[in-house]
Amino acid sequence: MIEFTRRIVQALVDDPEKVVVTEVSGGQTTVLNISVGSGEAGKIIGKKGRTIQALRTILIAVGAKEKRHVIVEINDDFKHPRKMENETPAIRAPGGYHDRTKAHKMAF
């Protein structure tokens, strides 16, 4: 199952040498971890997740033949430029719509 998954993923990405598929088995469950190069996860996921869902459907069918539950995970080294590690959460300033509504109701 690892080789099958690796060949499909390599056909989808631009840099097939960076594709690594590992398998973790336990009981009746198998977890397939797919690691790809930086920024390549989107090519595996596809528009609205259709490509990864198709891959999961195939792997689930293969796993069902072996009576195993299959979980597929994607690991990507890509760090989004807008996401900073020390980013502080946004704080909503007072005086928004809900604050005015409460004040208006309390005044009458």
PDB file of N, CA and C in Angstrom:
ATOM      1  N   MET A   1       0.822  -1.189   0.000  1.00  0.00           N
ATOM      2  CA  MET A   1       0.000   0.000   0.000  1.00  0.00           C
ATOM      3  C   MET A   1       0.873   1.263   0.000  1.00  0.00           C
ATOM      4  N   ILE A   2       2.037   1.190   0.641  1.00  0.00           N
ATOM      5  CA  ILE A   2       2.942   2.342   0.670  1.00  0.00           C
ATOM      6  C   ILE A   2       3.440   2.665  -0.742  1.00  0.00           C
ATOM      7  N   GLU A   3       3.866   1.658  -1.459  1.00  0.00           N
ATOM      8  CA  GLU A   3       4.398   1.878  -2.810  1.00  0.00           C
ATOM      9  C   GLU A   3       3.318   2.421  -3.736  1.00  0.00           C
ATOM     10  N   PHE A   4       2.121   1.897  -3.628  1.00  0.00           N
ATOM     11  CA  PHE A   4       0.993   2.353  -4.434  1.00  0.00           C
ATOM     12  C   PHE A   4       0.720   3.829  -4.177  1.00  0.00           C
ATOM     13  N   THR A   5       0.654   4.206  -2.913  1.00  0.00           N
ATOM     14  CA  THR A   5       0.399   5.595  -2.533  1.00  0.00           C
ATOM     15  C   THR A   5       1.525   6.506  -3.000  1.00  0.00           C
ATOM     16  N   ARG A   6       2.757   6.065  -2.801  1.00  0.00           N
ATOM     17  CA  ARG A   6       3.913   6.879  -3.195  1.00  0.00           C
ATOM     18  C   ARG A   6       3.912   7.158  -4.695  1.00  0.00           C
ATOM     19  N   ARG A   7       3.586   6.165  -5.505  1.00  0.00           N
ATOM     20  CA  ARG A   7       3.590   6.351  -6.962  1.00  0.00           C
ATOM     21  C   ARG A   7       2.513   7.333  -7.406  1.00  0.00           C
ATOM     22  N   ILE A   8       1.344   7.265  -6.795  1.00  0.00           N
ATOM     23  CA  ILE A   8       0.268   8.198  -7.144  1.00  0.00           C
ATOM     24  C   ILE A   8       0.647   9.620  -6.763  1.00  0.00           C
ATOM     25  N   VAL A   9       1.170   9.804  -5.543  1.00  0.00           N
ATOM     26  CA  VAL A   9       1.529  11.148  -5.063  1.00  0.00           C
ATOM     27  C   VAL A   9       2.679  11.720  -5.896  1.00  0.00           C
ATOM     28  N   GLN A  10       3.651  10.893  -6.265  1.00  0.00           N
ATOM     29  CA  GLN A  10       4.760  11.368  -7.085  1.00  0.00           C
ATOM     30  C   GLN A  10       4.277  11.864  -8.442  1.00  0.00           C
ATOM     31  N   ALA A  11       3.229  11.266  -8.967  1.00  0.00           N
ATOM     32  CA  ALA A  11       2.682  11.708 -10.250  1.00  0.00           C
ATOM     33  C   ALA A  11       1.970  13.054 -10.133  1.00  0.00           C
ATOM     34  N   LEU A  12       1.548  13.421  -8.933  1.00  0.00           N
ATOM     35  CA  LEU A  12       0.798  14.661  -8.738  1.00  0.00           C
ATOM     36  C   LEU A  12       1.675  15.879  -8.469  1.00  0.00           C
ATOM     37  N   VAL A  13       2.849  15.704  -7.861  1.00  0.00           N
ATOM     38  CA  VAL A  13       3.671  16.835  -7.436  1.00  0.00           C
ATOM     39  C   VAL A  13       4.748  17.168  -8.469  1.00  0.00           C
ATOM     40  N   ASP A  14       5.344  18.364  -8.307  1.00  0.00           N
ATOM     41  CA  ASP A  14       6.414  18.803  -9.200  1.00  0.00           C
ATOM     42  C   ASP A  14       7.759  18.187  -8.839  1.00  0.00           C
ATOM     43  N   ASP A  15       7.971  17.916  -7.565  1.00  0.00           N
ATOM     44  CA  ASP A  15       9.259  17.391  -7.100  1.00  0.00           C
ATOM     45  C   ASP A  15       9.053  15.998  -6.484  1.00  0.00           C
ATOM     46  N   PRO A  16       9.005  14.945  -7.325  1.00  0.00           N
ATOM     47  CA  PRO A  16       8.696  13.605  -6.809  1.00  0.00           C
ATOM     48  C   PRO A  16       9.758  13.017  -5.893  1.00  0.00           C
ATOM     49  N   GLU A  17      10.979  13.542  -5.926  1.00  0.00           N
ATOM     50  CA  GLU A  17      12.030  13.000  -5.061  1.00  0.00           C
ATOM     51  C   GLU A  17      11.780  13.286  -3.587  1.00  0.00           C
ATOM     52  N   LYS A  18      11.009  14.339  -3.292  1.00  0.00           N
ATOM     53  CA  LYS A  18      10.769  14.720  -1.899  1.00  0.00           C
ATOM     54  C   LYS A  18       9.558  14.017  -1.283  1.00  0.00           C
ATOM     55  N   VAL A  19       8.915  13.144  -2.035  1.00  0.00           N
ATOM     56  CA  VAL A  19       7.742  12.437  -1.525  1.00  0.00           C
ATOM     57  C   VAL A  19       8.197  11.269  -0.653  1.00  0.00           C
ATOM     58  N   VAL A  20       7.687  11.232   0.573  1.00  0.00           N
ATOM     59  CA  VAL A  20       7.975  10.138   1.502  1.00  0.00           C
ATOM     60  C   VAL A  20       6.641   9.677   2.085  1.00  0.00           C
ATOM     61  N   VAL A  21       6.380   8.393   1.979  1.00  0.00           N
ATOM     62  CA  VAL A  21       5.161   7.822   2.542  1.00  0.00           C
ATOM     63  C   VAL A  21       5.562   6.828   3.618  1.00  0.00           C
ATOM     64  N   THR A  22       5.043   7.037   4.823  1.00  0.00           N
ATOM     65  CA  THR A  22       5.320   6.116   5.918  1.00  0.00           C
ATOM     66  C   THR A  22       3.997   5.517   6.395  1.00  0.00           C
ATOM     67  N   GLU A  23       4.103   4.332   6.946  1.00  0.00           N
ATOM     68  CA  GLU A  23       2.915   3.616   7.402  1.00  0.00           C
ATOM     69  C   GLU A  23       3.068   3.276   8.877  1.00  0.00           C
ATOM     70  N   VAL A  24       2.031   3.576   9.641  1.00  0.00           N
ATOM     71  CA  VAL A  24       1.991   3.209  11.047  1.00  0.00           C
ATOM     72  C   VAL A  24       0.772   2.310  11.226  1.00  0.00           C
ATOM     73  N   SER A  25       1.014   1.071  11.608  1.00  0.00           N
ATOM     74  CA  SER A  25      -0.076   0.108  11.765  1.00  0.00           C
ATOM     75  C   SER A  25      -0.270  -0.240  13.227  1.00  0.00           C
ATOM     76  N   GLY A  26      -1.508  -0.424  13.578  1.00  0.00           N
ATOM     77  CA  GLY A  26      -1.833  -0.842  14.938  1.00  0.00           C
ATOM     78  C   GLY A  26      -3.220  -1.440  14.949  1.00  0.00           C
ATOM     79  N   GLY A  27      -3.343  -2.653  15.398  1.00  0.00           N
ATOM     80  CA  GLY A  27      -4.644  -3.302  15.415  1.00  0.00           C
ATOM     81  C   GLY A  27      -5.186  -3.458  14.008  1.00  0.00           C
ATOM     82  N   GLN A  28      -6.358  -2.898  13.765  1.00  0.00           N
ATOM     83  CA  GLN A  28      -6.961  -2.970  12.440  1.00  0.00           C
ATOM     84  C   GLN A  28      -6.891  -1.638  11.706  1.00  0.00           C
ATOM     85  N   THR A  29      -6.089  -0.719  12.204  1.00  0.00           N
ATOM     86  CA  THR A  29      -5.988   0.611  11.609  1.00  0.00           C
ATOM     87  C   THR A  29      -4.594   0.846  11.047  1.00  0.00           C
ATOM     88  N   THR A  30      -4.543   1.457   9.883  1.00  0.00           N
ATOM     89  CA  THR A  30      -3.296   1.844   9.256  1.00  0.00           C
ATOM     90  C   THR A  30      -3.337   3.337   8.981  1.00  0.00           C
ATOM     91  N   VAL A  31      -2.305   4.056   9.425  1.00  0.00           N
ATOM     92  CA  VAL A  31      -2.199   5.489   9.157  1.00  0.00           C
ATOM     93  C   VAL A  31      -1.076   5.684   8.147  1.00  0.00           C
ATOM     94  N   LEU A  32      -1.407   6.305   7.020  1.00  0.00           N
ATOM     95  CA  LEU A  32      -0.414   6.616   5.996  1.00  0.00           C
ATOM     96  C   LEU A  32      -0.075   8.098   6.094  1.00  0.00           C
ATOM     97  N   ASN A  33       1.176   8.410   6.390  1.00  0.00           N
ATOM     98  CA  ASN A  33       1.657   9.784   6.454  1.00  0.00           C
ATOM     99  C   ASN A  33       2.355  10.102   5.149  1.00  0.00           C
ATOM    100  N   ILE A  34       1.862  11.116   4.452  1.00  0.00           N
ATOM    101  CA  ILE A  34       2.453  11.540   3.185  1.00  0.00           C
ATOM    102  C   ILE A  34       3.185  12.848   3.434  1.00  0.00           C
ATOM    103  N   SER A  35       4.488  12.846   3.212  1.00  0.00           N
ATOM    104  CA  SER A  35       5.293  14.063   3.343  1.00  0.00           C
ATOM    105  C   SER A  35       5.730  14.500   1.959  1.00  0.00           C
ATOM    106  N   VAL A  36       5.545  15.775   1.675  1.00  0.00           N
ATOM    107  CA  VAL A  36       5.922  16.332   0.376  1.00  0.00           C
ATOM    108  C   VAL A  36       6.779  17.566   0.588  1.00  0.00           C
ATOM    109  N   GLY A  37       7.326  18.089  -0.485  1.00  0.00           N
ATOM    110  CA  GLY A  37       8.157  19.279  -0.415  1.00  0.00           C
ATOM    111  C   GLY A  37       7.342  20.513  -0.071  1.00  0.00           C
ATOM    112  N   SER A  38       8.048  21.599   0.121  1.00  0.00           N
ATOM    113  CA  SER A  38       7.436  22.860   0.516  1.00  0.00           C
ATOM    114  C   SER A  38       6.441  23.347  -0.535  1.00  0.00           C
ATOM    115  N   GLY A  39       5.207  23.592  -0.107  1.00  0.00           N
ATOM    116  CA  GLY A  39       4.187  24.143  -0.988  1.00  0.00           C
ATOM    117  C   GLY A  39       3.534  23.143  -1.921  1.00  0.00           C
ATOM    118  N   GLU A  40       3.804  21.868  -1.780  1.00  0.00           N
ATOM    119  CA  GLU A  40       3.275  20.860  -2.695  1.00  0.00           C
ATOM    120  C   GLU A  40       1.987  20.212  -2.187  1.00  0.00           C
ATOM    121  N   ALA A  41       1.603  20.454  -0.953  1.00  0.00           N
ATOM    122  CA  ALA A  41       0.423  19.798  -0.388  1.00  0.00           C
ATOM    123  C   ALA A  41      -0.843  20.178  -1.149  1.00  0.00           C
ATOM    124  N   GLY A  42      -0.906  21.386  -1.645  1.00  0.00           N
ATOM    125  CA  GLY A  42      -2.086  21.825  -2.388  1.00  0.00           C
ATOM    126  C   GLY A  42      -2.336  21.007  -3.637  1.00  0.00           C
ATOM    127  N   LYS A  43      -1.281  20.504  -4.233  1.00  0.00           N
ATOM    128  CA  LYS A  43      -1.424  19.676  -5.428  1.00  0.00           C
ATOM    129  C   LYS A  43      -2.014  18.315  -5.088  1.00  0.00           C
ATOM    130  N   ILE A  44      -1.752  17.839  -3.888  1.00  0.00           N
ATOM    131  CA  ILE A  44      -2.319  16.565  -3.468  1.00  0.00           C
ATOM    132  C   ILE A  44      -3.767  16.765  -3.013  1.00  0.00           C
ATOM    133  N   ILE A  45      -4.032  17.877  -2.366  1.00  0.00           N
ATOM    134  CA  ILE A  45      -5.380  18.143  -1.856  1.00  0.00           C
ATOM    135  C   ILE A  45      -6.346  18.432  -3.003  1.00  0.00           C
ATOM    136  N   GLY A  46      -5.916  19.250  -3.962  1.00  0.00           N
ATOM    137  CA  GLY A  46      -6.768  19.566  -5.102  1.00  0.00           C
ATOM    138  C   GLY A  46      -7.827  20.595  -4.766  1.00  0.00           C
ATOM    139  N   LYS A  47      -8.599  20.972  -5.776  1.00  0.00           N
ATOM    140  CA  LYS A  47      -9.661  21.954  -5.568  1.00  0.00           C
ATOM    141  C   LYS A  47     -10.755  21.349  -4.698  1.00  0.00           C
ATOM    142  N   LYS A  48     -11.076  22.071  -3.642  1.00  0.00           N
ATOM    143  CA  LYS A  48     -12.099  21.670  -2.676  1.00  0.00           C
ATOM    144  C   LYS A  48     -11.832  20.281  -2.095  1.00  0.00           C
ATOM    145  N   GLY A  49     -10.566  19.841  -2.114  1.00  0.00           N
ATOM    146  CA  GLY A  49     -10.207  18.570  -1.499  1.00  0.00           C
ATOM    147  C   GLY A  49     -10.588  17.345  -2.305  1.00  0.00           C
ATOM    148  N   ARG A  50     -10.902  17.528  -3.563  1.00  0.00           N
ATOM    149  CA  ARG A  50     -11.382  16.413  -4.372  1.00  0.00           C
ATOM    150  C   ARG A  50     -10.303  15.379  -4.656  1.00  0.00           C
ATOM    151  N   THR A  51      -9.076  15.814  -4.886  1.00  0.00           N
ATOM    152  CA  THR A  51      -8.006  14.872  -5.209  1.00  0.00           C
ATOM    153  C   THR A  51      -7.673  13.992  -4.015  1.00  0.00           C
ATOM    154  N   ILE A  52      -7.507  14.589  -2.838  1.00  0.00           N
ATOM    155  CA  ILE A  52      -7.180  13.792  -1.651  1.00  0.00           C
ATOM    156  C   ILE A  52      -8.355  12.898  -1.274  1.00  0.00           C
ATOM    157  N   GLN A  53      -9.572  13.362  -1.495  1.00  0.00           N
ATOM    158  CA  GLN A  53     -10.733  12.527  -1.189  1.00  0.00           C
ATOM    159  C   GLN A  53     -10.779  11.313  -2.120  1.00  0.00           C
ATOM    160  N   ALA A  54     -10.425  11.499  -3.387  1.00  0.00           N
ATOM    161  CA  ALA A  54     -10.380  10.371  -4.323  1.00  0.00           C
ATOM    162  C   ALA A  54      -9.291   9.378  -3.907  1.00  0.00           C
ATOM    163  N   LEU A  55      -8.132   9.905  -3.506  1.00  0.00           N
ATOM    164  CA  LEU A  55      -7.046   9.032  -3.044  1.00  0.00           C
ATOM    165  C   LEU A  55      -7.471   8.270  -1.790  1.00  0.00           C
ATOM    166  N   ARG A  56      -8.120   8.949  -0.870  1.00  0.00           N
ATOM    167  CA  ARG A  56      -8.599   8.280   0.349  1.00  0.00           C
ATOM    168  C   ARG A  56      -9.622   7.195   0.023  1.00  0.00           C
ATOM    169  N   THR A  57     -10.510   7.462  -0.931  1.00  0.00           N
ATOM    170  CA  THR A  57     -11.513   6.471  -1.324  1.00  0.00           C
ATOM    171  C   THR A  57     -10.857   5.217  -1.869  1.00  0.00           C
ATOM    172  N   ILE A  58      -9.848   5.386  -2.710  1.00  0.00           N
ATOM    173  CA  ILE A  58      -9.133   4.231  -3.267  1.00  0.00           C
ATOM    174  C   ILE A  58      -8.426   3.460  -2.164  1.00  0.00           C
ATOM    175  N   LEU A  59      -7.734   4.183  -1.272  1.00  0.00           N
ATOM    176  CA  LEU A  59      -6.994   3.513  -0.200  1.00  0.00           C
ATOM    177  C   LEU A  59      -7.922   2.826   0.799  1.00  0.00           C
ATOM    178  N   ILE A  60      -9.087   3.399   1.034  1.00  0.00           N
ATOM    179  CA  ILE A  60     -10.062   2.757   1.913  1.00  0.00           C
ATOM    180  C   ILE A  60     -10.567   1.466   1.278  1.00  0.00           C
ATOM    181  N   ALA A  61     -10.775   1.484  -0.041  1.00  0.00           N
ATOM    182  CA  ALA A  61     -11.215   0.272  -0.737  1.00  0.00           C
ATOM    183  C   ALA A  61     -10.143  -0.807  -0.679  1.00  0.00           C
ATOM    184  N   VAL A  62      -8.877  -0.410  -0.853  1.00  0.00           N
ATOM    185  CA  VAL A  62      -7.780  -1.375  -0.744  1.00  0.00           C
ATOM    186  C   VAL A  62      -7.690  -1.914   0.676  1.00  0.00           C
ATOM    187  N   GLY A  63      -7.843  -1.033   1.653  1.00  0.00           N
ATOM    188  CA  GLY A  63      -7.804  -1.454   3.051  1.00  0.00           C
ATOM    189  C   GLY A  63      -8.962  -2.366   3.422  1.00  0.00           C
ATOM    190  N   ALA A  64     -10.127  -2.119   2.839  1.00  0.00           N
ATOM    191  CA  ALA A  64     -11.293  -2.960   3.128  1.00  0.00           C
ATOM    192  C   ALA A  64     -11.054  -4.387   2.654  1.00  0.00           C
ATOM    193  N   LYS A  65     -10.344  -4.531   1.566  1.00  0.00           N
ATOM    194  CA  LYS A  65     -10.021  -5.869   1.059  1.00  0.00           C
ATOM    195  C   LYS A  65      -9.155  -6.623   2.068  1.00  0.00           C
ATOM    196  N   GLU A  66      -8.290  -5.889   2.766  1.00  0.00           N
ATOM    197  CA  GLU A  66      -7.420  -6.481   3.786  1.00  0.00           C
ATOM    198  C   GLU A  66      -8.030  -6.383   5.182  1.00  0.00           C
ATOM    199  N   LYS A  67      -9.289  -5.895   5.282  1.00  0.00           N
ATOM    200  CA  LYS A  67      -9.999  -5.700   6.548  1.00  0.00           C
ATOM    201  C   LYS A  67      -9.248  -4.774   7.491  1.00  0.00           C
ATOM    202  N   ARG A  68      -8.804  -3.623   6.930  1.00  0.00           N
ATOM    203  CA  ARG A  68      -8.083  -2.616   7.695  1.00  0.00           C
ATOM    204  C   ARG A  68      -8.736  -1.258   7.462  1.00  0.00           C
ATOM    205  N   HIS A  69      -8.754  -0.433   8.499  1.00  0.00           N
ATOM    206  CA  HIS A  69      -9.224   0.942   8.391  1.00  0.00           C
ATOM    207  C   HIS A  69      -8.018   1.806   8.034  1.00  0.00           C
ATOM    208  N   VAL A  70      -8.141   2.617   6.985  1.00  0.00           N
ATOM    209  CA  VAL A  70      -7.011   3.414   6.499  1.00  0.00           C
ATOM    210  C   VAL A  70      -7.276   4.893   6.742  1.00  0.00           C
ATOM    211  N   ILE A  71      -6.282   5.575   7.318  1.00  0.00           N
ATOM    212  CA  ILE A  71      -6.319   7.021   7.541  1.00  0.00           C
ATOM    213  C   ILE A  71      -5.148   7.626   6.780  1.00  0.00           C
ATOM    214  N   VAL A  72      -5.417   8.688   6.025  1.00  0.00           N
ATOM    215  CA  VAL A  72      -4.375   9.348   5.230  1.00  0.00           C
ATOM    216  C   VAL A  72      -4.139  10.737   5.797  1.00  0.00           C
ATOM    217  N   GLU A  73      -2.872  11.044   6.103  1.00  0.00           N
ATOM    218  CA  GLU A  73      -2.493  12.362   6.607  1.00  0.00           C
ATOM    219  C   GLU A  73      -1.438  12.953   5.687  1.00  0.00           C
ATOM    220  N   ILE A  74      -1.483  14.286   5.520  1.00  0.00           N
ATOM    221  CA  ILE A  74      -0.508  14.980   4.677  1.00  0.00           C
ATOM    222  C   ILE A  74       0.325  15.899   5.549  1.00  0.00           C
ATOM    223  N   ASN A  75       1.638  15.803   5.406  1.00  0.00           N
ATOM    224  CA  ASN A  75       2.569  16.688   6.103  1.00  0.00           C
ATOM    225  C   ASN A  75       3.257  17.551   5.052  1.00  0.00           C
ATOM    226  N   ASP A  76       3.281  18.851   5.309  1.00  0.00           N
ATOM    227  CA  ASP A  76       3.887  19.795   4.372  1.00  0.00           C
ATOM    228  C   ASP A  76       4.844  20.688   5.145  1.00  0.00           C
ATOM    229  N   ASP A  77       6.009  20.957   4.605  1.00  0.00           N
ATOM    230  CA  ASP A  77       6.997  21.807   5.263  1.00  0.00           C
ATOM    231  C   ASP A  77       6.711  23.293   5.063  1.00  0.00           C
ATOM    232  N   PHE A  78       5.687  23.633   4.329  1.00  0.00           N
ATOM    233  CA  PHE A  78       5.395  25.010   3.972  1.00  0.00           C
ATOM    234  C   PHE A  78       4.959  25.811   5.184  1.00  0.00           C
ATOM    235  N   LYS A  79       5.566  26.958   5.386  1.00  0.00           N
ATOM    236  CA  LYS A  79       5.170  27.901   6.431  1.00  0.00           C
ATOM    237  C   LYS A  79       4.482  29.075   5.751  1.00  0.00           C
ATOM    238  N   HIS A  80       3.249  29.335   6.116  1.00  0.00           N
ATOM    239  CA  HIS A  80       2.499  30.413   5.484  1.00  0.00           C
ATOM    240  C   HIS A  80       3.127  31.749   5.868  1.00  0.00           C
ATOM    241  N   PRO A  81       3.358  32.643   4.896  1.00  0.00           N
ATOM    242  CA  PRO A  81       4.037  33.911   5.215  1.00  0.00           C
ATOM    243  C   PRO A  81       3.243  34.810   6.154  1.00  0.00           C
ATOM    244  N   ARG A  82       1.924  34.685   6.163  1.00  0.00           N
ATOM    245  CA  ARG A  82       1.120  35.542   7.029  1.00  0.00           C
ATOM    246  C   ARG A  82       0.996  34.992   8.436  1.00  0.00           C
ATOM    247  N   LYS A  83       1.351  33.753   8.633  1.00  0.00           N
ATOM    248  CA  LYS A  83       1.252  33.136   9.958  1.00  0.00           C
ATOM    249  C   LYS A  83       2.603  33.227  10.644  1.00  0.00           C
ATOM    250  N   MET A  84       2.678  34.007  11.694  1.00  0.00           N
ATOM    251  CA  MET A  84       3.923  34.128  12.433  1.00  0.00           C
ATOM    252  C   MET A  84       3.822  33.273  13.675  1.00  0.00           C
ATOM    253  N   GLU A  85       4.945  32.743  14.113  1.00  0.00           N
ATOM    254  CA  GLU A  85       4.924  31.850  15.262  1.00  0.00           C
ATOM    255  C   GLU A  85       4.567  32.581  16.546  1.00  0.00           C
ATOM    256  N   ASN A  86       4.981  33.828  16.689  1.00  0.00           N
ATOM    257  CA  ASN A  86       4.698  34.587  17.909  1.00  0.00           C
ATOM    258  C   ASN A  86       3.540  35.553  17.701  1.00  0.00           C
ATOM    259  N   GLU A  87       2.627  35.183  16.850  1.00  0.00           N
ATOM    260  CA  GLU A  87       1.507  36.056  16.530  1.00  0.00           C
ATOM    261  C   GLU A  87       0.560  36.156  17.721  1.00  0.00           C
ATOM    262  N   THR A  88       0.154  37.374  18.064  1.00  0.00           N
ATOM    263  CA  THR A  88      -0.793  37.563  19.163  1.00  0.00           C
ATOM    264  C   THR A  88      -2.201  37.602  18.582  1.00  0.00           C
ATOM    265  N   PRO A  89      -3.172  37.085  19.302  1.00  0.00           N
ATOM    266  CA  PRO A  89      -4.543  37.097  18.782  1.00  0.00           C
ATOM    267  C   PRO A  89      -5.082  38.521  18.711  1.00  0.00           C
ATOM    268  N   ALA A  90      -5.963  38.740  17.761  1.00  0.00           N
ATOM    269  CA  ALA A  90      -6.566  40.059  17.595  1.00  0.00           C
ATOM    270  C   ALA A  90      -7.504  40.335  18.764  1.00  0.00           C
ATOM    271  N   ILE A  91      -7.499  41.560  19.224  1.00  0.00           N
ATOM    272  CA  ILE A  91      -8.361  41.954  20.332  1.00  0.00           C
ATOM    273  C   ILE A  91      -9.424  42.887  19.770  1.00  0.00           C
ATOM    274  N   ARG A  92     -10.676  42.545  20.024  1.00  0.00           N
ATOM    275  CA  ARG A  92     -11.770  43.356  19.510  1.00  0.00           C
ATOM    276  C   ARG A  92     -11.895  44.626  20.339  1.00  0.00           C
ATOM    277  N   ALA A  93     -11.922  45.737  19.659  1.00  0.00           N
ATOM    278  CA  ALA A  93     -12.038  47.018  20.351  1.00  0.00           C
ATOM    279  C   ALA A  93     -13.470  47.213  20.839  1.00  0.00           C
ATOM    280  N   PRO A  94     -13.649  47.824  22.002  1.00  0.00           N
ATOM    281  CA  PRO A  94     -15.005  48.091  22.478  1.00  0.00           C
ATOM    282  C   PRO A  94     -15.692  49.096  21.564  1.00  0.00           C
ATOM    283  N   GLY A  95     -17.004  49.085  21.613  1.00  0.00           N
ATOM    284  CA  GLY A  95     -17.749  50.039  20.800  1.00  0.00           C
ATOM    285  C   GLY A  95     -18.250  49.426  19.515  1.00  0.00           C
ATOM    286  N   GLY A  96     -18.220  48.106  19.414  1.00  0.00           N
ATOM    287  CA  GLY A  96     -18.737  47.436  18.228  1.00  0.00           C
ATOM    288  C   GLY A  96     -20.253  47.461  18.212  1.00  0.00           C
ATOM    289  N   TYR A  97     -20.837  46.810  17.252  1.00  0.00           N
ATOM    290  CA  TYR A  97     -22.292  46.804  17.075  1.00  0.00           C
ATOM    291  C   TYR A  97     -23.009  46.293  18.319  1.00  0.00           C
ATOM    292  N   HIS A  98     -22.533  45.187  18.875  1.00  0.00           N
ATOM    293  CA  HIS A  98     -23.207  44.588  20.011  1.00  0.00           C
ATOM    294  C   HIS A  98     -23.122  45.471  21.258  1.00  0.00           C
ATOM    295  N   ASP A  99     -22.028  46.175  21.431  1.00  0.00           N
ATOM    296  CA  ASP A  99     -21.912  47.066  22.579  1.00  0.00           C
ATOM    297  C   ASP A  99     -22.923  48.207  22.487  1.00  0.00           C
ATOM    298  N   ARG A 100     -23.142  48.752  21.303  1.00  0.00           N
ATOM    299  CA  ARG A 100     -24.107  49.831  21.130  1.00  0.00           C
ATOM    300  C   ARG A 100     -25.521  49.316  21.359  1.00  0.00           C
ATOM    301  N   THR A 101     -25.785  48.107  20.905  1.00  0.00           N
ATOM    302  CA  THR A 101     -27.121  47.536  21.072  1.00  0.00           C
ATOM    303  C   THR A 101     -27.437  47.347  22.542  1.00  0.00           C
ATOM    304  N   LYS A 102     -26.483  46.829  23.303  1.00  0.00           N
ATOM    305  CA  LYS A 102     -26.693  46.632  24.734  1.00  0.00           C
ATOM    306  C   LYS A 102     -26.917  47.975  25.428  1.00  0.00           C
ATOM    307  N   ALA A 103     -26.106  48.966  25.084  1.00  0.00           N
ATOM    308  CA  ALA A 103     -26.231  50.284  25.702  1.00  0.00           C
ATOM    309  C   ALA A 103     -27.571  50.911  25.365  1.00  0.00           C
ATOM    310  N   HIS A 104     -28.010  50.731  24.147  1.00  0.00           N
ATOM    311  CA  HIS A 104     -29.293  51.299  23.716  1.00  0.00           C
ATOM    312  C   HIS A 104     -30.444  50.650  24.478  1.00  0.00           C
ATOM    313  N   LYS A 105     -30.387  49.327  24.645  1.00  0.00           N
ATOM    314  CA  LYS A 105     -31.464  48.634  25.359  1.00  0.00           C
ATOM    315  C   LYS A 105     -31.459  49.004  26.835  1.00  0.00           C
ATOM    316  N   MET A 106     -30.278  49.208  27.391  1.00  0.00           N
ATOM    317  CA  MET A 106     -30.186  49.542  28.803  1.00  0.00           C
ATOM    318  C   MET A 106     -30.664  50.964  29.071  1.00  0.00           C
ATOM    319  N   ALA A 107     -30.535  51.845  28.109  1.00  0.00           N
ATOM    320  CA  ALA A 107     -30.925  53.230  28.293  1.00  0.00           C
ATOM    321  C   ALA A 107     -32.446  53.397  28.348  1.00  0.00           C
ATOM    322  N   PHE A 108     -33.178  52.472  27.746  1.00  0.00           N
ATOM    323  CA  PHE A 108     -34.652  52.606  27.708  1.00  0.00           C
ATOM    324  C   PHE A 108     -35.283  51.694  28.671  1.00  0.00           C
TER     325      PHE A 108
END
